[in-house]
Amino acid sequence: MGKCAKQDIVAIIKNGNKIFIGANSCDNPQSVCPRDNMPSGVGYELCKSICKQANHAEVNACINAGDYSNGATLYLIGHAYCCDDCKEFMKASGIKEIIIL
């Protein structure tokens, strides 16, 4: 696993005294992001097809937290918003609040 060439994103889920972390790591990291000149929110299919990024940081944090996602707060670091797919996954996982730092 390696770092995303465009942005380091970290999602932290906190539920009581439990903390779980997810990142946007890639199985095939690139030296230059294939989305380099695209605006945020565009071209995410390239993250999967070229960089082999299984999930965004928010989804990885929810997977790591498992049932602890239910009723938890997710803190997002390194990005200005959550994409619709991540929002849907977080809602299904029971995340009650998203705070973008």
PDB file of N, CA and C in Angstrom:
ATOM      1  N   MET A   1       0.840  -1.188   0.000  1.00  0.00           N
ATOM      2  CA  MET A   1       0.000   0.000   0.000  1.00  0.00           C
ATOM      3  C   MET A   1       0.880   1.244   0.000  1.00  0.00           C
ATOM      4  N   GLY A   2       0.401   2.246  -0.700  1.00  0.00           N
ATOM      5  CA  GLY A   2       1.141   3.501  -0.758  1.00  0.00           C
ATOM      6  C   GLY A   2       0.217   4.691  -0.663  1.00  0.00           C
ATOM      7  N   LYS A   3       0.822   5.860  -0.651  1.00  0.00           N
ATOM      8  CA  LYS A   3       0.065   7.102  -0.505  1.00  0.00           C
ATOM      9  C   LYS A   3      -0.529   7.559  -1.833  1.00  0.00           C
ATOM     10  N   CYS A   4      -1.663   8.192  -1.734  1.00  0.00           N
ATOM     11  CA  CYS A   4      -2.289   8.859  -2.871  1.00  0.00           C
ATOM     12  C   CYS A   4      -1.383  10.018  -3.288  1.00  0.00           C
ATOM     13  N   ALA A   5      -1.152  10.173  -4.581  1.00  0.00           N
ATOM     14  CA  ALA A   5      -0.271  11.234  -5.080  1.00  0.00           C
ATOM     15  C   ALA A   5      -0.915  12.618  -5.000  1.00  0.00           C
ATOM     16  N   LYS A   6      -2.250  12.676  -4.953  1.00  0.00           N
ATOM     17  CA  LYS A   6      -2.924  13.972  -4.957  1.00  0.00           C
ATOM     18  C   LYS A   6      -3.126  14.529  -3.556  1.00  0.00           C
ATOM     19  N   GLN A   7      -3.678  13.714  -2.661  1.00  0.00           N
ATOM     20  CA  GLN A   7      -4.009  14.200  -1.328  1.00  0.00           C
ATOM     21  C   GLN A   7      -3.903  13.078  -0.310  1.00  0.00           C
ATOM     22  N   ASP A   8      -3.418  13.426   0.866  1.00  0.00           N
ATOM     23  CA  ASP A   8      -3.484  12.503   1.999  1.00  0.00           C
ATOM     24  C   ASP A   8      -4.772  12.804   2.745  1.00  0.00           C
ATOM     25  N   ILE A   9      -5.650  11.833   2.795  1.00  0.00           N
ATOM     26  CA  ILE A   9      -6.923  11.982   3.491  1.00  0.00           C
ATOM     27  C   ILE A   9      -6.936  10.996   4.649  1.00  0.00           C
ATOM     28  N   VAL A  10      -7.352  11.477   5.802  1.00  0.00           N
ATOM     29  CA  VAL A  10      -7.482  10.625   6.978  1.00  0.00           C
ATOM     30  C   VAL A  10      -8.876  10.824   7.545  1.00  0.00           C
ATOM     31  N   ALA A  11      -9.527   9.722   7.854  1.00  0.00           N
ATOM     32  CA  ALA A  11     -10.833   9.757   8.511  1.00  0.00           C
ATOM     33  C   ALA A  11     -10.675   9.080   9.870  1.00  0.00           C
ATOM     34  N   ILE A  12     -11.146   9.757  10.895  1.00  0.00           N
ATOM     35  CA  ILE A  12     -11.062   9.234  12.256  1.00  0.00           C
ATOM     36  C   ILE A  12     -12.485   9.098  12.794  1.00  0.00           C
ATOM     37  N   ILE A  13     -12.808   7.908  13.236  1.00  0.00           N
ATOM     38  CA  ILE A  13     -14.112   7.658  13.854  1.00  0.00           C
ATOM     39  C   ILE A  13     -13.900   7.565  15.353  1.00  0.00           C
ATOM     40  N   LYS A  14     -14.712   8.331  16.078  1.00  0.00           N
ATOM     41  CA  LYS A  14     -14.657   8.303  17.534  1.00  0.00           C
ATOM     42  C   LYS A  14     -16.034   7.945  18.059  1.00  0.00           C
ATOM     43  N   ASN A  15     -16.065   6.920  18.887  1.00  0.00           N
ATOM     44  CA  ASN A  15     -17.301   6.494  19.537  1.00  0.00           C
ATOM     45  C   ASN A  15     -16.942   6.174  20.982  1.00  0.00           C
ATOM     46  N   GLY A  16     -17.324   7.077  21.888  1.00  0.00           N
ATOM     47  CA  GLY A  16     -16.912   6.917  23.275  1.00  0.00           C
ATOM     48  C   GLY A  16     -15.407   7.021  23.361  1.00  0.00           C
ATOM     49  N   ASN A  17     -14.774   6.029  23.964  1.00  0.00           N
ATOM     50  CA  ASN A  17     -13.316   6.051  24.067  1.00  0.00           C
ATOM     51  C   ASN A  17     -12.650   5.214  22.973  1.00  0.00           C
ATOM     52  N   LYS A  18     -13.418   4.772  21.998  1.00  0.00           N
ATOM     53  CA  LYS A  18     -12.890   3.975  20.881  1.00  0.00           C
ATOM     54  C   LYS A  18     -12.593   4.883  19.696  1.00  0.00           C
ATOM     55  N   ILE A  19     -11.417   4.678  19.072  1.00  0.00           N
ATOM     56  CA  ILE A  19     -11.003   5.461  17.904  1.00  0.00           C
ATOM     57  C   ILE A  19     -10.550   4.515  16.802  1.00  0.00           C
ATOM     58  N   PHE A  20     -11.003   4.797  15.581  1.00  0.00           N
ATOM     59  CA  PHE A  20     -10.646   3.985  14.411  1.00  0.00           C
ATOM     60  C   PHE A  20     -10.227   4.927  13.297  1.00  0.00           C
ATOM     61  N   ILE A  21      -9.220   4.529  12.537  1.00  0.00           N
ATOM     62  CA  ILE A  21      -8.653   5.396  11.509  1.00  0.00           C
ATOM     63  C   ILE A  21      -8.733   4.717  10.143  1.00  0.00           C
ATOM     64  N   GLY A  22      -9.021   5.513   9.131  1.00  0.00           N
ATOM     65  CA  GLY A  22      -8.989   5.058   7.752  1.00  0.00           C
ATOM     66  C   GLY A  22      -8.227   6.064   6.914  1.00  0.00           C
ATOM     67  N   ALA A  23      -7.547   5.590   5.884  1.00  0.00           N
ATOM     68  CA  ALA A  23      -6.800   6.466   4.983  1.00  0.00           C
ATOM     69  C   ALA A  23      -7.140   6.108   3.542  1.00  0.00           C
ATOM     70  N   ASN A  24      -6.713   6.948   2.629  1.00  0.00           N
ATOM     71  CA  ASN A  24      -6.972   6.726   1.205  1.00  0.00           C
ATOM     72  C   ASN A  24      -5.752   6.123   0.521  1.00  0.00           C
ATOM     73  N   SER A  25      -5.247   5.044   1.051  1.00  0.00           N
ATOM     74  CA  SER A  25      -4.055   4.421   0.482  1.00  0.00           C
ATOM     75  C   SER A  25      -4.372   3.672  -0.813  1.00  0.00           C
ATOM     76  N   CYS A  26      -3.334   3.441  -1.598  1.00  0.00           N
ATOM     77  CA  CYS A  26      -3.469   2.828  -2.918  1.00  0.00           C
ATOM     78  C   CYS A  26      -2.587   1.581  -3.018  1.00  0.00           C
ATOM     79  N   ASP A  27      -3.065   0.588  -3.746  1.00  0.00           N
ATOM     80  CA  ASP A  27      -2.258  -0.607  -4.010  1.00  0.00           C
ATOM     81  C   ASP A  27      -1.292  -0.393  -5.177  1.00  0.00           C
ATOM     82  N   ASN A  28      -1.581   0.602  -6.024  1.00  0.00           N
ATOM     83  CA  ASN A  28      -0.712   0.923  -7.157  1.00  0.00           C
ATOM     84  C   ASN A  28      -0.478   2.440  -7.175  1.00  0.00           C
ATOM     85  N   PRO A  29       0.247   2.957  -6.164  1.00  0.00           N
ATOM     86  CA  PRO A  29       0.427   4.407  -6.082  1.00  0.00           C
ATOM     87  C   PRO A  29       1.174   4.951  -7.298  1.00  0.00           C
ATOM     88  N   GLN A  30       0.826   6.155  -7.680  1.00  0.00           N
ATOM     89  CA  GLN A  30       1.429   6.814  -8.838  1.00  0.00           C
ATOM     90  C   GLN A  30       2.315   7.967  -8.366  1.00  0.00           C
ATOM     91  N   SER A  31       3.271   8.365  -9.165  1.00  0.00           N
ATOM     92  CA  SER A  31       4.083   9.533  -8.816  1.00  0.00           C
ATOM     93  C   SER A  31       3.322  10.821  -9.123  1.00  0.00           C
ATOM     94  N   VAL A  32       2.431  10.771 -10.112  1.00  0.00           N
ATOM     95  CA  VAL A  32       1.564  11.894 -10.445  1.00  0.00           C
ATOM     96  C   VAL A  32       0.132  11.363 -10.481  1.00  0.00           C
ATOM     97  N   CYS A  33      -0.749  12.056  -9.817  1.00  0.00           N
ATOM     98  CA  CYS A  33      -2.147  11.619  -9.753  1.00  0.00           C
ATOM     99  C   CYS A  33      -2.810  11.700 -11.131  1.00  0.00           C
ATOM    100  N   PRO A  34      -3.522  10.653 -11.552  1.00  0.00           N
ATOM    101  CA  PRO A  34      -4.237  10.716 -12.826  1.00  0.00           C
ATOM    102  C   PRO A  34      -5.372  11.740 -12.810  1.00  0.00           C
ATOM    103  N   ARG A  35      -5.753  12.205 -11.622  1.00  0.00           N
ATOM    104  CA  ARG A  35      -6.780  13.241 -11.485  1.00  0.00           C
ATOM    105  C   ARG A  35      -6.157  14.605 -11.228  1.00  0.00           C
ATOM    106  N   ASP A  36      -4.871  14.737 -11.466  1.00  0.00           N
ATOM    107  CA  ASP A  36      -4.092  15.910 -11.053  1.00  0.00           C
ATOM    108  C   ASP A  36      -4.728  17.250 -11.416  1.00  0.00           C
ATOM    109  N   ASN A  37      -5.209  17.405 -12.611  1.00  0.00           N
ATOM    110  CA  ASN A  37      -5.769  18.694 -13.035  1.00  0.00           C
ATOM    111  C   ASN A  37      -7.291  18.736 -12.959  1.00  0.00           C
ATOM    112  N   MET A  38      -7.886  17.720 -12.367  1.00  0.00           N
ATOM    113  CA  MET A  38      -9.350  17.689 -12.237  1.00  0.00           C
ATOM    114  C   MET A  38      -9.770  18.307 -10.910  1.00  0.00           C
ATOM    115  N   PRO A  39     -10.942  18.923 -10.904  1.00  0.00           N
ATOM    116  CA  PRO A  39     -11.427  19.466  -9.628  1.00  0.00           C
ATOM    117  C   PRO A  39     -11.820  18.348  -8.665  1.00  0.00           C
ATOM    118  N   SER A  40     -11.881  18.684  -7.413  1.00  0.00           N
ATOM    119  CA  SER A  40     -12.301  17.728  -6.394  1.00  0.00           C
ATOM    120  C   SER A  40     -13.675  17.185  -6.746  1.00  0.00           C
ATOM    121  N   GLY A  41     -13.853  15.901  -6.556  1.00  0.00           N
ATOM    122  CA  GLY A  41     -15.139  15.274  -6.824  1.00  0.00           C
ATOM    123  C   GLY A  41     -15.278  14.723  -8.231  1.00  0.00           C
ATOM    124  N   VAL A  42     -14.293  14.926  -9.090  1.00  0.00           N
ATOM    125  CA  VAL A  42     -14.353  14.471 -10.475  1.00  0.00           C
ATOM    126  C   VAL A  42     -13.255  13.436 -10.717  1.00  0.00           C
ATOM    127  N   GLY A  43     -13.589  12.386 -11.437  1.00  0.00           N
ATOM    128  CA  GLY A  43     -12.599  11.400 -11.851  1.00  0.00           C
ATOM    129  C   GLY A  43     -12.254  10.343 -10.820  1.00  0.00           C
ATOM    130  N   TYR A  44     -13.114  10.161  -9.818  1.00  0.00           N
ATOM    131  CA  TYR A  44     -12.828   9.172  -8.778  1.00  0.00           C
ATOM    132  C   TYR A  44     -12.688   7.755  -9.330  1.00  0.00           C
ATOM    133  N   GLU A  45     -13.268   7.492 -10.489  1.00  0.00           N
ATOM    134  CA  GLU A  45     -13.127   6.152 -11.070  1.00  0.00           C
ATOM    135  C   GLU A  45     -11.658   5.839 -11.378  1.00  0.00           C
ATOM    136  N   LEU A  46     -10.836   6.862 -11.594  1.00  0.00           N
ATOM    137  CA  LEU A  46      -9.414   6.666 -11.845  1.00  0.00           C
ATOM    138  C   LEU A  46      -8.677   6.196 -10.590  1.00  0.00           C
ATOM    139  N   CYS A  47      -9.197   6.573  -9.418  1.00  0.00           N
ATOM    140  CA  CYS A  47      -8.593   6.114  -8.156  1.00  0.00           C
ATOM    141  C   CYS A  47      -8.648   4.587  -8.083  1.00  0.00           C
ATOM    142  N   LYS A  48      -9.757   4.031  -8.521  1.00  0.00           N
ATOM    143  CA  LYS A  48      -9.915   2.576  -8.483  1.00  0.00           C
ATOM    144  C   LYS A  48      -9.202   1.897  -9.648  1.00  0.00           C
ATOM    145  N   SER A  49      -9.381   2.422 -10.860  1.00  0.00           N
ATOM    146  CA  SER A  49      -8.867   1.725 -12.034  1.00  0.00           C
ATOM    147  C   SER A  49      -7.352   1.833 -12.192  1.00  0.00           C
ATOM    148  N   ILE A  50      -6.772   2.977 -11.885  1.00  0.00           N
ATOM    149  CA  ILE A  50      -5.336   3.161 -12.075  1.00  0.00           C
ATOM    150  C   ILE A  50      -4.560   2.961 -10.768  1.00  0.00           C
ATOM    151  N   CYS A  51      -4.977   3.637  -9.730  1.00  0.00           N
ATOM    152  CA  CYS A  51      -4.233   3.608  -8.459  1.00  0.00           C
ATOM    153  C   CYS A  51      -4.596   2.405  -7.590  1.00  0.00           C
ATOM    154  N   LYS A  52      -5.661   1.718  -7.982  1.00  0.00           N
ATOM    155  CA  LYS A  52      -6.124   0.532  -7.230  1.00  0.00           C
ATOM    156  C   LYS A  52      -6.455   0.896  -5.777  1.00  0.00           C
ATOM    157  N   GLN A  53      -7.130   2.029  -5.619  1.00  0.00           N
ATOM    158  CA  GLN A  53      -7.593   2.456  -4.298  1.00  0.00           C
ATOM    159  C   GLN A  53      -8.922   1.751  -4.031  1.00  0.00           C
ATOM    160  N   ALA A  54      -8.928   0.870  -3.051  1.00  0.00           N
ATOM    161  CA  ALA A  54     -10.125   0.082  -2.762  1.00  0.00           C
ATOM    162  C   ALA A  54     -11.270   0.960  -2.269  1.00  0.00           C
ATOM    163  N   ASN A  55     -10.966   1.900  -1.391  1.00  0.00           N
ATOM    164  CA  ASN A  55     -11.995   2.759  -0.791  1.00  0.00           C
ATOM    165  C   ASN A  55     -11.400   4.110  -0.440  1.00  0.00           C
ATOM    166  N   HIS A  56     -12.291   5.053  -0.253  1.00  0.00           N
ATOM    167  CA  HIS A  56     -11.871   6.338   0.298  1.00  0.00           C
ATOM    168  C   HIS A  56     -11.655   6.181   1.794  1.00  0.00           C
ATOM    169  N   ALA A  57     -11.005   7.161   2.396  1.00  0.00           N
ATOM    170  CA  ALA A  57     -10.646   7.103   3.816  1.00  0.00           C
ATOM    171  C   ALA A  57     -11.873   6.915   4.708  1.00  0.00           C
ATOM    172  N   GLU A  58     -12.990   7.573   4.372  1.00  0.00           N
ATOM    173  CA  GLU A  58     -14.192   7.494   5.193  1.00  0.00           C
ATOM    174  C   GLU A  58     -14.720   6.055   5.256  1.00  0.00           C
ATOM    175  N   VAL A  59     -14.744   5.400   4.109  1.00  0.00           N
ATOM    176  CA  VAL A  59     -15.221   4.017   4.037  1.00  0.00           C
ATOM    177  C   VAL A  59     -14.265   3.095   4.791  1.00  0.00           C
ATOM    178  N   ASN A  60     -12.954   3.291   4.605  1.00  0.00           N
ATOM    179  CA  ASN A  60     -11.984   2.460   5.317  1.00  0.00           C
ATOM    180  C   ASN A  60     -12.124   2.610   6.826  1.00  0.00           C
ATOM    181  N   ALA A  61     -12.370   3.822   7.294  1.00  0.00           N
ATOM    182  CA  ALA A  61     -12.555   4.031   8.737  1.00  0.00           C
ATOM    183  C   ALA A  61     -13.798   3.288   9.225  1.00  0.00           C
ATOM    184  N   CYS A  62     -14.888   3.349   8.461  1.00  0.00           N
ATOM    185  CA  CYS A  62     -16.117   2.640   8.844  1.00  0.00           C
ATOM    186  C   CYS A  62     -15.894   1.128   8.877  1.00  0.00           C
ATOM    187  N   ILE A  63     -15.182   0.627   7.909  1.00  0.00           N
ATOM    188  CA  ILE A  63     -14.884  -0.816   7.868  1.00  0.00           C
ATOM    189  C   ILE A  63     -14.040  -1.196   9.092  1.00  0.00           C
ATOM    190  N   ASN A  64     -13.043  -0.382   9.408  1.00  0.00           N
ATOM    191  CA  ASN A  64     -12.191  -0.653  10.562  1.00  0.00           C
ATOM    192  C   ASN A  64     -12.972  -0.593  11.875  1.00  0.00           C
ATOM    193  N   ALA A  65     -13.941   0.312  11.942  1.00  0.00           N
ATOM    194  CA  ALA A  65     -14.728   0.481  13.169  1.00  0.00           C
ATOM    195  C   ALA A  65     -15.793  -0.595  13.331  1.00  0.00           C
ATOM    196  N   GLY A  66     -16.254  -1.158  12.228  1.00  0.00           N
ATOM    197  CA  GLY A  66     -17.310  -2.167  12.315  1.00  0.00           C
ATOM    198  C   GLY A  66     -18.542  -1.610  13.018  1.00  0.00           C
ATOM    199  N   ASP A  67     -19.069  -2.344  13.984  1.00  0.00           N
ATOM    200  CA  ASP A  67     -20.283  -1.926  14.704  1.00  0.00           C
ATOM    201  C   ASP A  67     -20.075  -0.650  15.512  1.00  0.00           C
ATOM    202  N   TYR A  68     -18.836  -0.296  15.807  1.00  0.00           N
ATOM    203  CA  TYR A  68     -18.571   0.940  16.553  1.00  0.00           C
ATOM    204  C   TYR A  68     -18.883   2.192  15.732  1.00  0.00           C
ATOM    205  N   SER A  69     -19.121   2.041  14.422  1.00  0.00           N
ATOM    206  CA  SER A  69     -19.533   3.182  13.596  1.00  0.00           C
ATOM    207  C   SER A  69     -20.912   3.689  14.000  1.00  0.00           C
ATOM    208  N   ASN A  70     -21.737   2.796  14.465  1.00  0.00           N
ATOM    209  CA  ASN A  70     -23.112   3.152  14.817  1.00  0.00           C
ATOM    210  C   ASN A  70     -23.132   4.186  15.951  1.00  0.00           C
ATOM    211  N   GLY A  71     -23.637   5.376  15.638  1.00  0.00           N
ATOM    212  CA  GLY A  71     -23.736   6.455  16.615  1.00  0.00           C
ATOM    213  C   GLY A  71     -22.470   7.261  16.782  1.00  0.00           C
ATOM    214  N   ALA A  72     -21.457   7.004  15.973  1.00  0.00           N
ATOM    215  CA  ALA A  72     -20.152   7.649  16.124  1.00  0.00           C
ATOM    216  C   ALA A  72     -20.055   8.947  15.331  1.00  0.00           C
ATOM    217  N   THR A  73     -18.992   9.691  15.622  1.00  0.00           N
ATOM    218  CA  THR A  73     -18.638  10.897  14.886  1.00  0.00           C
ATOM    219  C   THR A  73     -17.424  10.584  14.020  1.00  0.00           C
ATOM    220  N   LEU A  74     -17.453  11.046  12.767  1.00  0.00           N
ATOM    221  CA  LEU A  74     -16.322  10.881  11.865  1.00  0.00           C
ATOM    222  C   LEU A  74     -15.690  12.247  11.623  1.00  0.00           C
ATOM    223  N   TYR A  75     -14.391  12.325  11.832  1.00  0.00           N
ATOM    224  CA  TYR A  75     -13.615  13.534  11.581  1.00  0.00           C
ATOM    225  C   TYR A  75     -12.825  13.309  10.296  1.00  0.00           C
ATOM    226  N   LEU A  76     -12.962  14.230   9.356  1.00  0.00           N
ATOM    227  CA  LEU A  76     -12.286  14.102   8.063  1.00  0.00           C
ATOM    228  C   LEU A  76     -11.194  15.158   7.962  1.00  0.00           C
ATOM    229  N   ILE A  77      -9.973  14.694   7.700  1.00  0.00           N
ATOM    230  CA  ILE A  77      -8.815  15.589   7.630  1.00  0.00           C
ATOM    231  C   ILE A  77      -8.217  15.491   6.230  1.00  0.00           C
ATOM    232  N   GLY A  78      -7.995  16.638   5.596  1.00  0.00           N
ATOM    233  CA  GLY A  78      -7.317  16.666   4.307  1.00  0.00           C
ATOM    234  C   GLY A  78      -8.233  16.833   3.114  1.00  0.00           C
ATOM    235  N   HIS A  79      -9.522  16.956   3.361  1.00  0.00           N
ATOM    236  CA  HIS A  79     -10.472  17.132   2.250  1.00  0.00           C
ATOM    237  C   HIS A  79     -11.561  18.095   2.686  1.00  0.00           C
ATOM    238  N   ALA A  80     -12.164  18.772   1.727  1.00  0.00           N
ATOM    239  CA  ALA A  80     -13.166  19.794   2.026  1.00  0.00           C
ATOM    240  C   ALA A  80     -14.590  19.252   2.097  1.00  0.00           C
ATOM    241  N   TYR A  81     -14.807  18.025   1.630  1.00  0.00           N
ATOM    242  CA  TYR A  81     -16.155  17.461   1.652  1.00  0.00           C
ATOM    243  C   TYR A  81     -16.082  15.955   1.479  1.00  0.00           C
ATOM    244  N   CYS A  82     -17.233  15.295   1.681  1.00  0.00           N
ATOM    245  CA  CYS A  82     -17.357  13.847   1.458  1.00  0.00           C
ATOM    246  C   CYS A  82     -18.149  13.629   0.177  1.00  0.00           C
ATOM    247  N   CYS A  83     -17.716  12.684  -0.647  1.00  0.00           N
ATOM    248  CA  CYS A  83     -18.462  12.378  -1.867  1.00  0.00           C
ATOM    249  C   CYS A  83     -19.757  11.644  -1.509  1.00  0.00           C
ATOM    250  N   ASP A  84     -20.678  11.584  -2.451  1.00  0.00           N
ATOM    251  CA  ASP A  84     -21.983  10.969  -2.208  1.00  0.00           C
ATOM    252  C   ASP A  84     -21.865   9.495  -1.827  1.00  0.00           C
ATOM    253  N   ASP A  85     -20.960   8.761  -2.479  1.00  0.00           N
ATOM    254  CA  ASP A  85     -20.782   7.338  -2.146  1.00  0.00           C
ATOM    255  C   ASP A  85     -20.342   7.172  -0.695  1.00  0.00           C
ATOM    256  N   CYS A  86     -19.412   8.017  -0.251  1.00  0.00           N
ATOM    257  CA  CYS A  86     -18.953   7.933   1.140  1.00  0.00           C
ATOM    258  C   CYS A  86     -20.074   8.320   2.108  1.00  0.00           C
ATOM    259  N   LYS A  87     -20.825   9.350   1.764  1.00  0.00           N
ATOM    260  CA  LYS A  87     -21.945   9.753   2.622  1.00  0.00           C
ATOM    261  C   LYS A  87     -22.945   8.613   2.777  1.00  0.00           C
ATOM    262  N   GLU A  88     -23.259   7.942   1.685  1.00  0.00           N
ATOM    263  CA  GLU A  88     -24.197   6.814   1.748  1.00  0.00           C
ATOM    264  C   GLU A  88     -23.640   5.687   2.610  1.00  0.00           C
ATOM    265  N   PHE A  89     -22.354   5.383   2.467  1.00  0.00           N
ATOM    266  CA  PHE A  89     -21.738   4.319   3.257  1.00  0.00           C
ATOM    267  C   PHE A  89     -21.738   4.682   4.738  1.00  0.00           C
ATOM    268  N   MET A  90     -21.408   5.930   5.034  1.00  0.00           N
ATOM    269  CA  MET A  90     -21.384   6.375   6.431  1.00  0.00           C
ATOM    270  C   MET A  90     -22.781   6.333   7.044  1.00  0.00           C
ATOM    271  N   LYS A  91     -23.772   6.736   6.273  1.00  0.00           N
ATOM    272  CA  LYS A  91     -25.152   6.689   6.764  1.00  0.00           C
ATOM    273  C   LYS A  91     -25.557   5.244   7.059  1.00  0.00           C
ATOM    274  N   ALA A  92     -25.252   4.348   6.141  1.00  0.00           N
ATOM    275  CA  ALA A  92     -25.576   2.933   6.339  1.00  0.00           C
ATOM    276  C   ALA A  92     -24.815   2.332   7.523  1.00  0.00           C
ATOM    277  N   SER A  93     -23.630   2.886   7.816  1.00  0.00           N
ATOM    278  CA  SER A  93     -22.823   2.404   8.927  1.00  0.00           C
ATOM    279  C   SER A  93     -23.256   2.985  10.267  1.00  0.00           C
ATOM    280  N   GLY A  94     -24.136   3.997  10.214  1.00  0.00           N
ATOM    281  CA  GLY A  94     -24.653   4.585  11.445  1.00  0.00           C
ATOM    282  C   GLY A  94     -23.898   5.795  11.954  1.00  0.00           C
ATOM    283  N   ILE A  95     -23.008   6.373  11.130  1.00  0.00           N
ATOM    284  CA  ILE A  95     -22.294   7.587  11.542  1.00  0.00           C
ATOM    285  C   ILE A  95     -23.327   8.672  11.795  1.00  0.00           C
ATOM    286  N   LYS A  96     -23.272   9.297  12.977  1.00  0.00           N
ATOM    287  CA  LYS A  96     -24.274  10.316  13.322  1.00  0.00           C
ATOM    288  C   LYS A  96     -23.860  11.728  12.950  1.00  0.00           C
ATOM    289  N   GLU A  97     -22.526  11.957  12.847  1.00  0.00           N
ATOM    290  CA  GLU A  97     -22.049  13.302  12.570  1.00  0.00           C
ATOM    291  C   GLU A  97     -20.734  13.228  11.806  1.00  0.00           C
ATOM    292  N   ILE A  98     -20.568  14.161  10.850  1.00  0.00           N
ATOM    293  CA  ILE A  98     -19.324  14.279  10.095  1.00  0.00           C
ATOM    294  C   ILE A  98     -18.775  15.671  10.354  1.00  0.00           C
ATOM    295  N   ILE A  99     -17.539  15.727  10.810  1.00  0.00           N
ATOM    296  CA  ILE A  99     -16.881  17.011  11.041  1.00  0.00           C
ATOM    297  C   ILE A  99     -15.682  17.074  10.110  1.00  0.00           C
ATOM    298  N   ILE A 100     -15.695  18.089   9.244  1.00  0.00           N
ATOM    299  CA  ILE A 100     -14.604  18.276   8.300  1.00  0.00           C
ATOM    300  C   ILE A 100     -13.647  19.286   8.888  1.00  0.00           C
ATOM    301  N   LEU A 101     -12.412  18.858   9.088  1.00  0.00           N
ATOM    302  CA  LEU A 101     -11.401  19.723   9.715  1.00  0.00           C
ATOM    303  C   LEU A 101     -10.507  20.360   8.665  1.00  0.00           C
TER     304      LEU A 101
END
